[in-house]
């Protein structure tokens, strides 16, 4: 596990059984970038990657 995976591991451990909507996730990402504008580019890239994840299947 990479050092940067610690947050992902914690998320999976604490909330891995929960179901959320993409609308909820989008709102959480907006809140996060409002509070942490220095991460806006990274969050935007993640959101774009998630939005286009199935493009390779076509």
N, C-alpha and C. Protein backbone atom coordinates (compact mmCIF):
# COMPACT_ATOMS: atom_id res chain seq x y z
N UNK A 1 0.85 -1.18 0.00
CA UNK A 1 0.00 0.00 0.00
C UNK A 1 0.89 1.23 0.00
N UNK A 2 0.55 2.16 -0.87
CA UNK A 2 1.25 3.43 -0.91
C UNK A 2 0.83 4.29 0.27
N UNK A 3 1.68 5.19 0.67
CA UNK A 3 1.36 6.12 1.75
C UNK A 3 0.08 6.87 1.44
N UNK A 4 -0.09 7.24 0.17
CA UNK A 4 -1.26 8.02 -0.22
C UNK A 4 -2.54 7.20 -0.19
N UNK A 5 -2.44 5.89 -0.11
CA UNK A 5 -3.63 5.03 -0.05
C UNK A 5 -4.26 4.99 1.33
N UNK A 6 -3.61 5.57 2.32
CA UNK A 6 -4.14 5.50 3.68
C UNK A 6 -5.52 6.10 3.79
N UNK A 7 -5.75 7.23 3.14
CA UNK A 7 -7.07 7.85 3.16
C UNK A 7 -8.11 6.98 2.46
N UNK A 8 -7.70 6.36 1.36
CA UNK A 8 -8.61 5.46 0.64
C UNK A 8 -8.95 4.26 1.50
N UNK A 9 -7.96 3.72 2.17
CA UNK A 9 -8.19 2.58 3.06
C UNK A 9 -9.13 2.96 4.21
N UNK A 10 -8.95 4.14 4.78
CA UNK A 10 -9.82 4.59 5.86
C UNK A 10 -11.25 4.77 5.36
N UNK A 11 -11.39 5.36 4.17
CA UNK A 11 -12.72 5.54 3.58
C UNK A 11 -13.42 4.20 3.40
N UNK A 12 -12.71 3.25 2.87
CA UNK A 12 -13.29 1.92 2.65
C UNK A 12 -13.65 1.25 3.96
N UNK A 13 -12.79 1.37 4.95
CA UNK A 13 -13.04 0.75 6.25
C UNK A 13 -14.24 1.37 6.96
N UNK A 14 -14.30 2.71 6.96
CA UNK A 14 -15.36 3.41 7.71
C UNK A 14 -16.70 3.46 6.99
N UNK A 15 -16.65 3.58 5.66
CA UNK A 15 -17.90 3.84 4.92
C UNK A 15 -18.11 2.90 3.75
N UNK A 16 -17.34 1.83 3.70
CA UNK A 16 -17.38 0.91 2.57
C UNK A 16 -18.71 0.22 2.34
N UNK A 17 -19.52 0.11 3.36
CA UNK A 17 -20.82 -0.55 3.22
C UNK A 17 -21.93 0.41 2.81
N UNK A 18 -21.65 1.70 2.82
CA UNK A 18 -22.67 2.70 2.49
C UNK A 18 -22.88 2.80 0.98
N UNK A 19 -24.07 3.20 0.59
CA UNK A 19 -24.36 3.51 -0.80
C UNK A 19 -24.61 5.00 -0.91
N UNK A 20 -24.02 5.61 -1.94
CA UNK A 20 -24.20 7.05 -2.15
C UNK A 20 -24.53 7.29 -3.61
N UNK A 21 -25.10 8.44 -3.89
CA UNK A 21 -25.36 8.81 -5.27
C UNK A 21 -24.18 9.62 -5.80
N UNK A 22 -24.10 9.70 -7.11
CA UNK A 22 -23.07 10.54 -7.70
C UNK A 22 -23.34 12.01 -7.44
N UNK A 23 -24.62 12.36 -7.31
CA UNK A 23 -24.95 13.74 -6.95
C UNK A 23 -24.40 14.08 -5.57
N UNK A 24 -24.52 13.17 -4.64
CA UNK A 24 -23.97 13.39 -3.29
C UNK A 24 -22.45 13.54 -3.37
N UNK A 25 -21.81 12.65 -4.11
CA UNK A 25 -20.35 12.70 -4.25
C UNK A 25 -19.92 14.03 -4.89
N UNK A 26 -20.63 14.46 -5.93
CA UNK A 26 -20.30 15.73 -6.57
C UNK A 26 -20.41 16.88 -5.59
N UNK A 27 -21.44 16.87 -4.77
CA UNK A 27 -21.60 17.94 -3.78
C UNK A 27 -20.46 17.92 -2.75
N UNK A 28 -20.07 16.74 -2.31
CA UNK A 28 -18.96 16.63 -1.36
C UNK A 28 -17.66 17.13 -1.97
N UNK A 29 -17.45 16.85 -3.26
CA UNK A 29 -16.25 17.34 -3.93
C UNK A 29 -16.28 18.86 -4.05
N UNK A 30 -17.45 19.43 -4.31
CA UNK A 30 -17.57 20.90 -4.35
C UNK A 30 -17.25 21.51 -2.99
N UNK A 31 -17.79 20.93 -1.95
CA UNK A 31 -17.52 21.43 -0.59
C UNK A 31 -16.04 21.34 -0.28
N UNK A 32 -15.43 20.20 -0.61
CA UNK A 32 -14.01 20.01 -0.34
C UNK A 32 -13.16 21.06 -1.07
N UNK A 33 -13.47 21.31 -2.36
CA UNK A 33 -12.67 22.29 -3.09
C UNK A 33 -12.93 23.71 -2.63
N UNK A 34 -14.13 23.98 -2.13
CA UNK A 34 -14.39 25.30 -1.54
C UNK A 34 -13.53 25.52 -0.30
N UNK A 35 -13.38 24.48 0.49
CA UNK A 35 -12.59 24.56 1.71
C UNK A 35 -11.09 24.43 1.45
N UNK A 36 -10.72 23.79 0.36
CA UNK A 36 -9.31 23.51 0.03
C UNK A 36 -9.04 23.83 -1.43
N UNK A 37 -9.07 25.11 -1.80
CA UNK A 37 -8.94 25.47 -3.22
C UNK A 37 -7.63 25.02 -3.86
N UNK A 38 -6.62 24.76 -3.07
CA UNK A 38 -5.34 24.32 -3.63
C UNK A 38 -5.44 22.92 -4.26
N UNK A 39 -6.51 22.18 -3.96
CA UNK A 39 -6.71 20.84 -4.52
C UNK A 39 -7.72 20.83 -5.66
N UNK A 40 -8.14 22.01 -6.11
CA UNK A 40 -9.18 22.10 -7.14
C UNK A 40 -8.79 21.35 -8.42
N UNK A 41 -7.57 21.49 -8.87
CA UNK A 41 -7.14 20.82 -10.10
C UNK A 41 -7.18 19.31 -9.94
N UNK A 42 -6.67 18.81 -8.83
CA UNK A 42 -6.66 17.36 -8.61
C UNK A 42 -8.08 16.80 -8.52
N UNK A 43 -8.96 17.50 -7.81
CA UNK A 43 -10.34 17.04 -7.67
C UNK A 43 -11.04 17.10 -9.02
N UNK A 44 -10.79 18.14 -9.79
CA UNK A 44 -11.39 18.25 -11.11
C UNK A 44 -10.93 17.12 -12.02
N UNK A 45 -9.66 16.78 -11.96
CA UNK A 45 -9.14 15.66 -12.76
C UNK A 45 -9.76 14.34 -12.33
N UNK A 46 -9.90 14.13 -11.03
CA UNK A 46 -10.54 12.92 -10.54
C UNK A 46 -11.98 12.84 -11.02
N UNK A 47 -12.72 13.95 -10.90
CA UNK A 47 -14.12 13.97 -11.32
C UNK A 47 -14.24 13.69 -12.82
N UNK A 48 -13.36 14.28 -13.61
CA UNK A 48 -13.38 14.03 -15.05
C UNK A 48 -13.07 12.58 -15.36
N UNK A 49 -12.10 12.02 -14.68
CA UNK A 49 -11.74 10.62 -14.87
C UNK A 49 -12.91 9.70 -14.51
N UNK A 50 -13.57 9.99 -13.40
CA UNK A 50 -14.72 9.19 -13.00
C UNK A 50 -15.86 9.33 -14.01
N UNK A 51 -16.08 10.53 -14.51
CA UNK A 51 -17.16 10.77 -15.46
C UNK A 51 -16.93 10.04 -16.78
N UNK A 52 -15.68 9.90 -17.17
CA UNK A 52 -15.35 9.31 -18.48
C UNK A 52 -14.85 7.88 -18.37
N UNK A 53 -14.94 7.28 -17.21
CA UNK A 53 -14.37 5.95 -16.97
C UNK A 53 -14.86 4.90 -17.97
N UNK A 54 -16.08 5.00 -18.44
CA UNK A 54 -16.60 3.99 -19.35
C UNK A 54 -16.39 4.34 -20.82
N UNK A 55 -15.74 5.44 -21.13
CA UNK A 55 -15.51 5.83 -22.52
C UNK A 55 -14.69 4.81 -23.30
N UNK A 56 -13.79 4.10 -22.63
CA UNK A 56 -12.96 3.11 -23.31
C UNK A 56 -13.75 1.88 -23.75
N UNK A 57 -14.92 1.66 -23.16
CA UNK A 57 -15.73 0.49 -23.47
C UNK A 57 -16.45 0.62 -24.81
N UNK A 58 -16.56 1.83 -25.33
CA UNK A 58 -17.32 2.06 -26.57
C UNK A 58 -16.53 1.73 -27.79
